[in-house]
Amino acid sequence: MGWLGTVPARSLFISWVRHSTRSSSLAQGLGAECHFIHDGQRLGLLKYLPRAWKTWRLLTRRRPALVICMNPPYFLPLVAAVYTRFYRARFILDSHSAAFDMRKWTWLHPLHAFAARRAVLSIVTNETLCDAVRALGGEAFRITDIPYTLPAGSYPLPAAAFTIVFVCTYAPDEPLAAVFEAARGLADVSFYVTGDARKADPALRGSQPRNLVFTGYLSNEDYAGLLRAADALMVLTTRDFTMQRGGSEAVSVGRPLITSDWPVLRQIFSKGTVHVDNSAESIQAAVGTLRGSYERYRREIRELANERQASWVRTRAELAQRLPELQEG
């Protein structure tokens, strides 16, 4: 049994990515066994076929009573729905904001609605997404974030330079061009951009400023070491209602944060954070603000970490009351 004391002992949390700290921390919080199924890059939808097969084999071999799955991609919940239908089990969706992006794969959104209606619960990060789940006919529960501890790790950084780590996945909503422009105007600041740089626009990558470094994909230990060694973290999105996991990682390692100025992100990251309009000028101003009052922002981000811990205790208790009756329904 997990911390909640409510989920079945045979519970699996499955994600079709190489790694996700949200998946691992949520799995730990729910007392579920975490599995990442990722087999490299393939073209288009074909990459999901081997993942679906590996997931089906895992489920039918382990026979979990509860399956918790990352959403999107929508095909993983579909596999979970079929499994639970034939094996008298239940499933929960951990639905990220991208699952509600109506600009992408519009023709596949009926799969999301199908899964949401059949899931015991859809876990989302804010009330707007709760409303979206209910509009699909599903049950929703908000878990903004779960406190967790990253590995100690290590990563060599220049001792003299003020260092900003831009946590990046090269998604379309991440304004990488603005980060490049901001870096050019801050020659005495070092910028490190995480993630697989091969996903970046080649033209943009070719205009890389001298004070900006692409780290490439890092091991969990190296990644955690980089975040701990940095002076501040930055996560940006041009899309509203999007939770920033990199922001939660900033809270975890006690580093001040620069993030986008959306109402949801202002509410979630209310301390130790400078909010920007995603422009190069705003990013440059935010770096100056952090440097000018650095110890204040360090203190505030630690206060926010303590508040997150207390909030998680309350959220966990609420879910503990709700989940058993949903499983019986």
Protein backbone atom coordinates (compact mmCIF):
# COMPACT_ATOMS: atom_id res chain seq x y z
CA MET A 1 0.00 0.00 0.00
CA GLY A 2 1.16 3.56 -0.66
CA TRP A 3 1.01 6.66 1.45
CA LEU A 4 -2.72 6.95 0.76
CA GLY A 5 -3.55 3.48 1.97
CA THR A 6 -6.27 3.40 -0.70
CA VAL A 7 -4.81 2.11 -3.94
CA PRO A 8 -4.62 -1.63 -4.59
CA ALA A 9 -1.31 -3.32 -3.78
CA ARG A 10 -0.99 -4.30 -7.45
CA SER A 11 -0.87 -0.84 -9.01
CA LEU A 12 1.25 0.24 -11.98
CA PHE A 13 1.98 3.77 -13.19
CA ILE A 14 2.95 3.69 -16.89
CA SER A 15 4.40 6.51 -18.98
CA TRP A 16 5.48 6.39 -22.61
CA VAL A 17 8.51 8.64 -22.13
CA ARG A 18 12.14 8.12 -21.24
CA HIS A 19 11.63 9.70 -17.83
CA SER A 20 9.23 12.07 -16.06
CA THR A 21 9.72 13.39 -12.54
CA ARG A 22 5.96 14.01 -12.32
CA SER A 23 5.24 10.37 -13.11
CA SER A 24 7.83 9.05 -10.67
CA SER A 25 6.79 11.35 -7.82
CA LEU A 26 3.07 10.77 -8.39
CA ALA A 27 3.65 7.02 -8.55
CA GLN A 28 5.50 7.19 -5.25
CA GLY A 29 2.74 9.30 -3.72
CA LEU A 30 0.08 6.82 -4.80
CA GLY A 31 2.11 3.78 -3.83
CA ALA A 32 2.27 2.51 -7.42
CA GLU A 33 5.11 0.80 -9.26
CA CYS A 34 6.48 3.17 -11.92
CA HIS A 35 7.33 2.00 -15.47
CA PHE A 36 8.72 4.08 -18.35
CA ILE A 37 8.26 2.53 -21.79
CA HIS A 38 10.32 4.24 -24.47
CA ASP A 39 12.04 2.67 -27.45
CA GLY A 40 13.68 5.55 -29.25
CA GLN A 41 12.31 7.69 -32.05
CA ARG A 42 10.19 6.43 -34.93
CA LEU A 43 8.30 8.32 -37.56
CA GLY A 44 4.80 9.50 -36.74
CA LEU A 45 2.27 7.24 -35.10
CA LEU A 46 4.29 4.09 -35.83
CA LYS A 47 6.39 4.69 -32.70
CA TYR A 48 3.37 3.87 -30.56
CA LEU A 49 2.91 0.33 -31.86
CA PRO A 50 5.86 -1.28 -30.01
CA ARG A 51 5.05 0.76 -26.90
CA ALA A 52 1.47 -0.46 -26.94
CA TRP A 53 2.63 -4.07 -27.33
CA LYS A 54 5.17 -3.77 -24.47
CA THR A 55 2.50 -2.17 -22.29
CA TRP A 56 -0.01 -4.93 -23.03
CA ARG A 57 2.57 -7.61 -22.21
CA LEU A 58 3.45 -5.85 -18.95
CA LEU A 59 -0.19 -5.52 -17.91
CA THR A 60 -1.20 -9.07 -18.77
CA ARG A 61 1.89 -10.45 -17.04
CA ARG A 62 1.57 -8.40 -13.84
CA ARG A 63 -2.26 -8.21 -13.75
CA PRO A 64 -2.50 -4.92 -11.76
CA ALA A 65 -5.83 -4.05 -10.17
CA LEU A 66 -5.20 -0.36 -10.88
CA VAL A 67 -3.39 1.22 -13.84
CA ILE A 68 -2.35 4.88 -13.74
CA CYS A 69 -1.19 6.24 -17.08
CA MET A 70 0.27 9.43 -18.44
CA ASN A 71 -1.97 11.22 -20.92
CA PRO A 72 -1.09 12.10 -23.68
CA PRO A 73 -0.38 10.20 -25.83
CA TYR A 74 -4.00 9.08 -26.08
CA PHE A 75 -3.06 5.56 -27.17
CA LEU A 76 -1.70 4.62 -23.74
CA PRO A 77 -5.09 5.25 -22.02
CA LEU A 78 -6.70 3.25 -24.83
CA VAL A 79 -4.49 0.25 -24.03
CA ALA A 80 -5.32 0.69 -20.32
CA ALA A 81 -9.05 0.88 -21.07
CA VAL A 82 -8.97 -2.36 -23.06
CA TYR A 83 -6.93 -4.13 -20.38
CA THR A 84 -9.21 -3.04 -17.54
CA ARG A 85 -12.29 -4.11 -19.50
CA PHE A 86 -11.04 -7.68 -19.91
CA TYR A 87 -9.27 -8.09 -16.56
CA ARG A 88 -11.78 -6.44 -14.19
CA ALA A 89 -9.39 -3.67 -13.20
CA ARG A 90 -9.61 0.14 -13.03
CA PHE A 91 -7.50 2.93 -14.46
CA ILE A 92 -6.65 6.57 -13.69
CA LEU A 93 -5.40 9.20 -16.13
CA ASP A 94 -2.64 11.60 -15.23
CA SER A 95 -3.65 14.17 -17.84
CA HIS A 96 -1.07 16.81 -18.69
CA SER A 97 -2.12 20.15 -20.17
CA ALA A 98 -1.05 18.95 -23.64
CA ALA A 99 -3.93 16.46 -23.54
CA PHE A 100 -6.33 19.40 -23.88
CA ASP A 101 -4.49 21.19 -26.69
CA MET A 102 -7.14 21.32 -29.40
CA ARG A 103 -4.60 22.50 -31.99
CA LYS A 104 -2.79 19.17 -32.09
CA TRP A 105 -4.18 15.91 -33.52
CA THR A 106 -7.74 17.19 -33.44
CA TRP A 107 -9.03 14.00 -34.99
CA LEU A 108 -7.68 11.99 -32.04
CA HIS A 109 -9.42 13.95 -29.28
CA PRO A 110 -12.39 11.54 -29.26
CA LEU A 111 -9.94 8.96 -27.87
CA HIS A 112 -9.30 11.29 -24.93
CA ALA A 113 -13.03 11.67 -24.32
CA PHE A 114 -13.50 7.90 -24.53
CA ALA A 115 -10.73 7.29 -21.97
CA ALA A 116 -11.80 10.10 -19.64
CA ARG A 117 -15.35 8.72 -19.39
CA ARG A 118 -14.11 5.24 -18.55
CA ALA A 119 -11.35 6.20 -16.13
CA VAL A 120 -11.97 6.17 -12.40
CA LEU A 121 -10.41 9.61 -12.29
CA SER A 122 -8.43 12.11 -14.36
CA ILE A 123 -5.73 13.86 -12.35
CA VAL A 124 -4.99 17.39 -13.65
CA THR A 125 -3.01 20.39 -12.42
CA ASN A 126 -5.60 23.19 -12.26
CA GLU A 127 -9.33 23.91 -12.03
CA THR A 128 -9.64 24.93 -15.69
CA LEU A 129 -8.52 21.45 -16.72
CA CYS A 130 -10.87 19.93 -14.13
CA ASP A 131 -13.72 21.68 -15.94
CA ALA A 132 -12.41 20.35 -19.26
CA VAL A 133 -12.47 16.77 -17.94
CA ARG A 134 -16.02 17.19 -16.64
CA ALA A 135 -17.07 18.54 -20.04
CA LEU A 136 -15.85 15.24 -21.51
CA GLY A 137 -18.02 13.35 -19.03
CA GLY A 138 -15.22 12.26 -16.68
CA GLU A 139 -14.34 12.65 -13.01
CA ALA A 140 -11.52 15.09 -12.24
CA PHE A 141 -9.15 15.68 -9.34
CA ARG A 142 -6.60 18.48 -9.04
CA ILE A 143 -3.05 17.74 -7.92
CA THR A 144 -1.00 20.82 -8.69
CA ASP A 145 2.26 19.27 -7.64
CA ILE A 146 3.87 16.68 -5.41
CA PRO A 147 6.98 17.47 -3.34
CA TYR A 148 9.89 15.23 -4.23
CA THR A 149 13.66 15.09 -3.94
CA LEU A 150 15.94 15.02 -6.95
CA PRO A 151 19.19 13.03 -6.80
CA ALA A 152 22.25 14.86 -5.49
CA GLY A 153 24.15 14.62 -8.77
CA SER A 154 26.93 16.87 -9.97
CA TYR A 155 27.62 19.04 -13.01
CA PRO A 156 30.63 21.30 -13.60
CA LEU A 157 29.74 24.97 -14.09
CA PRO A 158 31.99 28.05 -14.27
CA ALA A 159 32.39 29.45 -10.77
CA ALA A 160 32.42 33.12 -11.75
CA ALA A 161 29.42 33.42 -14.10
CA PHE A 162 25.81 33.87 -13.04
CA THR A 163 24.12 30.78 -14.52
CA ILE A 164 20.56 30.31 -15.80
CA VAL A 165 19.31 26.85 -16.77
CA PHE A 166 16.48 26.91 -19.31
CA VAL A 167 14.57 23.64 -18.84
CA CYS A 168 13.54 22.83 -22.39
CA THR A 169 11.85 20.01 -24.31
CA TYR A 170 11.83 21.89 -27.66
CA ALA A 171 8.05 21.92 -27.71
CA PRO A 172 6.36 24.51 -29.97
CA ASP A 173 5.16 26.54 -26.97
CA GLU A 174 8.71 27.11 -25.63
CA PRO A 175 10.06 30.49 -26.93
CA LEU A 176 13.64 29.37 -27.53
CA ALA A 177 14.31 32.22 -30.01
CA ALA A 178 13.55 34.76 -27.28
CA VAL A 179 15.98 32.99 -24.93
CA PHE A 180 18.69 33.21 -27.62
CA GLU A 181 18.06 36.94 -28.06
CA ALA A 182 18.06 37.52 -24.29
CA ALA A 183 21.36 35.66 -23.94
CA ARG A 184 22.99 37.86 -26.58
CA GLY A 185 22.20 40.92 -24.46
CA LEU A 186 23.56 39.39 -21.25
CA ALA A 187 27.16 38.55 -22.10
CA ASP A 188 28.14 38.13 -18.43
CA VAL A 189 25.42 35.48 -17.82
CA SER A 190 25.79 31.81 -18.82
CA PHE A 191 22.70 30.07 -20.21
CA TYR A 192 22.39 26.28 -20.28
CA VAL A 193 19.57 24.74 -22.33
CA THR A 194 18.60 21.17 -21.40
CA GLY A 195 17.08 18.45 -23.56
CA ASP A 196 17.91 16.92 -26.92
CA ALA A 197 19.15 19.86 -29.02
CA ARG A 198 18.61 17.87 -32.21
CA LYS A 199 14.92 18.75 -31.82
CA ALA A 200 15.66 22.46 -32.12
CA ASP A 201 15.16 24.35 -35.37
CA PRO A 202 18.48 23.88 -37.26
CA ALA A 203 18.47 27.53 -38.36
CA LEU A 204 18.07 28.67 -34.78
CA ARG A 205 20.66 26.24 -33.50
CA GLY A 206 23.12 27.64 -36.00
CA SER A 207 22.76 31.12 -34.45
CA GLN A 208 23.66 29.97 -30.94
CA PRO A 209 25.08 32.78 -28.75
CA ARG A 210 28.56 32.24 -27.34
CA ASN A 211 27.27 32.31 -23.75
CA LEU A 212 24.60 29.65 -24.37
CA VAL A 213 25.31 25.92 -24.04
CA PHE A 214 23.15 23.01 -25.19
CA THR A 215 23.57 20.25 -22.61
CA GLY A 216 22.00 17.45 -24.65
CA TYR A 217 19.95 14.78 -22.93
CA LEU A 218 21.39 14.21 -19.44
CA SER A 219 21.18 11.31 -17.01
CA ASN A 220 18.96 11.90 -13.99
CA GLU A 221 22.01 12.43 -11.80
CA ASP A 222 23.70 14.90 -14.17
CA TYR A 223 20.44 16.75 -14.72
CA ALA A 224 19.84 17.12 -10.98
CA GLY A 225 23.44 18.21 -10.51
CA LEU A 226 23.02 20.90 -13.17
CA LEU A 227 19.87 22.27 -11.52
CA ARG A 228 21.53 22.35 -8.09
CA ALA A 229 24.64 24.06 -9.45
CA ALA A 230 22.74 26.80 -11.30
CA ASP A 231 21.89 30.18 -9.82
CA ALA A 232 18.36 30.12 -11.23
CA LEU A 233 16.05 28.06 -13.45
CA MET A 234 13.85 29.24 -16.29
CA VAL A 235 10.81 27.53 -17.82
CA LEU A 236 8.65 29.30 -20.40
CA THR A 237 5.46 28.61 -22.29
CA THR A 238 3.32 30.56 -24.73
CA ARG A 239 0.33 28.35 -23.85
CA ASP A 240 -2.04 29.21 -21.00
CA PHE A 241 -3.10 26.64 -18.36
CA THR A 242 0.20 24.78 -18.73
CA MET A 243 1.90 23.46 -15.61
CA GLN A 244 5.68 23.85 -15.71
CA ARG A 245 7.40 20.80 -14.26
CA GLY A 246 10.74 22.56 -14.47
CA GLY A 247 9.29 25.15 -12.09
CA SER A 248 8.53 22.42 -9.60
CA GLU A 249 12.10 21.21 -9.98
CA ALA A 250 13.29 24.73 -9.12
CA VAL A 251 11.26 24.54 -5.91
CA SER A 252 12.70 21.09 -5.19
CA VAL A 253 16.33 22.23 -5.48
CA GLY A 254 15.74 25.64 -3.89
CA ARG A 255 16.65 27.77 -6.89
CA PRO A 256 14.81 30.99 -7.89
CA LEU A 257 12.63 30.71 -10.96
CA ILE A 258 11.84 32.70 -14.09
CA THR A 259 8.61 31.61 -15.73
CA SER A 260 5.85 32.91 -17.98
CA ASP A 261 3.25 35.40 -16.81
CA TRP A 262 0.07 33.34 -16.94
CA PRO A 263 -2.56 33.47 -14.14
CA VAL A 264 -2.14 29.76 -13.37
CA LEU A 265 1.64 30.07 -13.09
CA ARG A 266 1.35 33.20 -10.94
CA GLN A 267 -0.86 31.23 -8.57
CA ILE A 268 1.30 28.11 -8.50
CA PHE A 269 4.68 29.87 -8.36
CA SER A 270 3.77 32.76 -6.08
CA LYS A 271 7.13 33.15 -4.34
CA GLY A 272 10.77 33.11 -5.35
CA THR A 273 9.71 33.70 -8.95
CA VAL A 274 9.90 36.43 -11.58
CA HIS A 275 7.16 36.23 -14.23
CA VAL A 276 7.86 37.35 -17.80
CA ASP A 277 5.92 37.99 -21.02
CA ASN A 278 8.19 35.60 -22.99
CA SER A 279 10.01 38.43 -24.77
CA ALA A 280 13.79 38.79 -24.76
CA GLU A 281 13.51 42.17 -23.05
CA SER A 282 11.35 40.74 -20.28
CA ILE A 283 13.75 37.82 -19.76
CA GLN A 284 16.71 40.21 -19.52
CA ALA A 285 14.86 42.35 -16.99
CA ALA A 286 13.96 39.26 -14.95
CA VAL A 287 17.60 38.18 -14.76
CA GLY A 288 18.51 41.65 -13.53
CA THR A 289 15.76 41.52 -10.91
CA LEU A 290 16.98 38.16 -9.63
CA ARG A 291 20.58 39.27 -9.43
CA GLY A 292 19.62 42.46 -7.62
CA SER A 293 17.66 40.66 -4.86
CA TYR A 294 19.04 37.15 -5.08
CA GLU A 295 18.97 36.18 -1.41
CA ARG A 296 15.37 37.32 -1.09
CA TYR A 297 14.33 35.06 -3.98
CA ARG A 298 16.32 32.16 -2.54
CA ARG A 299 14.51 32.60 0.79
CA GLU A 300 11.10 32.82 -0.87
CA ILE A 301 11.58 29.68 -2.97
CA ARG A 302 12.39 27.73 0.22
CA GLU A 303 9.22 29.12 1.82
CA LEU A 304 7.26 27.96 -1.22
CA ALA A 305 8.74 24.46 -0.84
CA ASN A 306 7.45 24.29 2.73
CA GLU A 307 4.00 25.46 1.64
CA ARG A 308 3.95 22.81 -1.10
CA GLN A 309 4.66 20.09 1.43
CA ALA A 310 1.75 21.19 3.63
CA SER A 311 -0.55 21.45 0.60
CA TRP A 312 0.34 17.91 -0.51
CA VAL A 313 -0.58 16.50 2.89
CA ARG A 314 -4.05 18.06 2.56
CA THR A 315 -4.46 16.92 -1.07
CA ARG A 316 -3.43 13.39 -0.19
CA ALA A 317 -6.01 13.23 2.58
CA GLU A 318 -8.74 14.48 0.23
CA LEU A 319 -7.85 11.89 -2.39
CA ALA A 320 -7.78 9.19 0.26
CA GLN A 321 -11.44 9.96 1.00
CA ARG A 322 -12.52 10.10 -2.61
CA LEU A 323 -10.74 7.24 -4.33
CA PRO A 324 -12.36 4.24 -2.57
CA GLU A 325 -15.93 5.30 -3.44
CA LEU A 326 -14.92 5.91 -7.06
CA GLN A 327 -13.37 2.46 -7.28
CA GLU A 328 -16.64 0.97 -6.04
CA GLY A 329 -18.72 2.95 -8.54
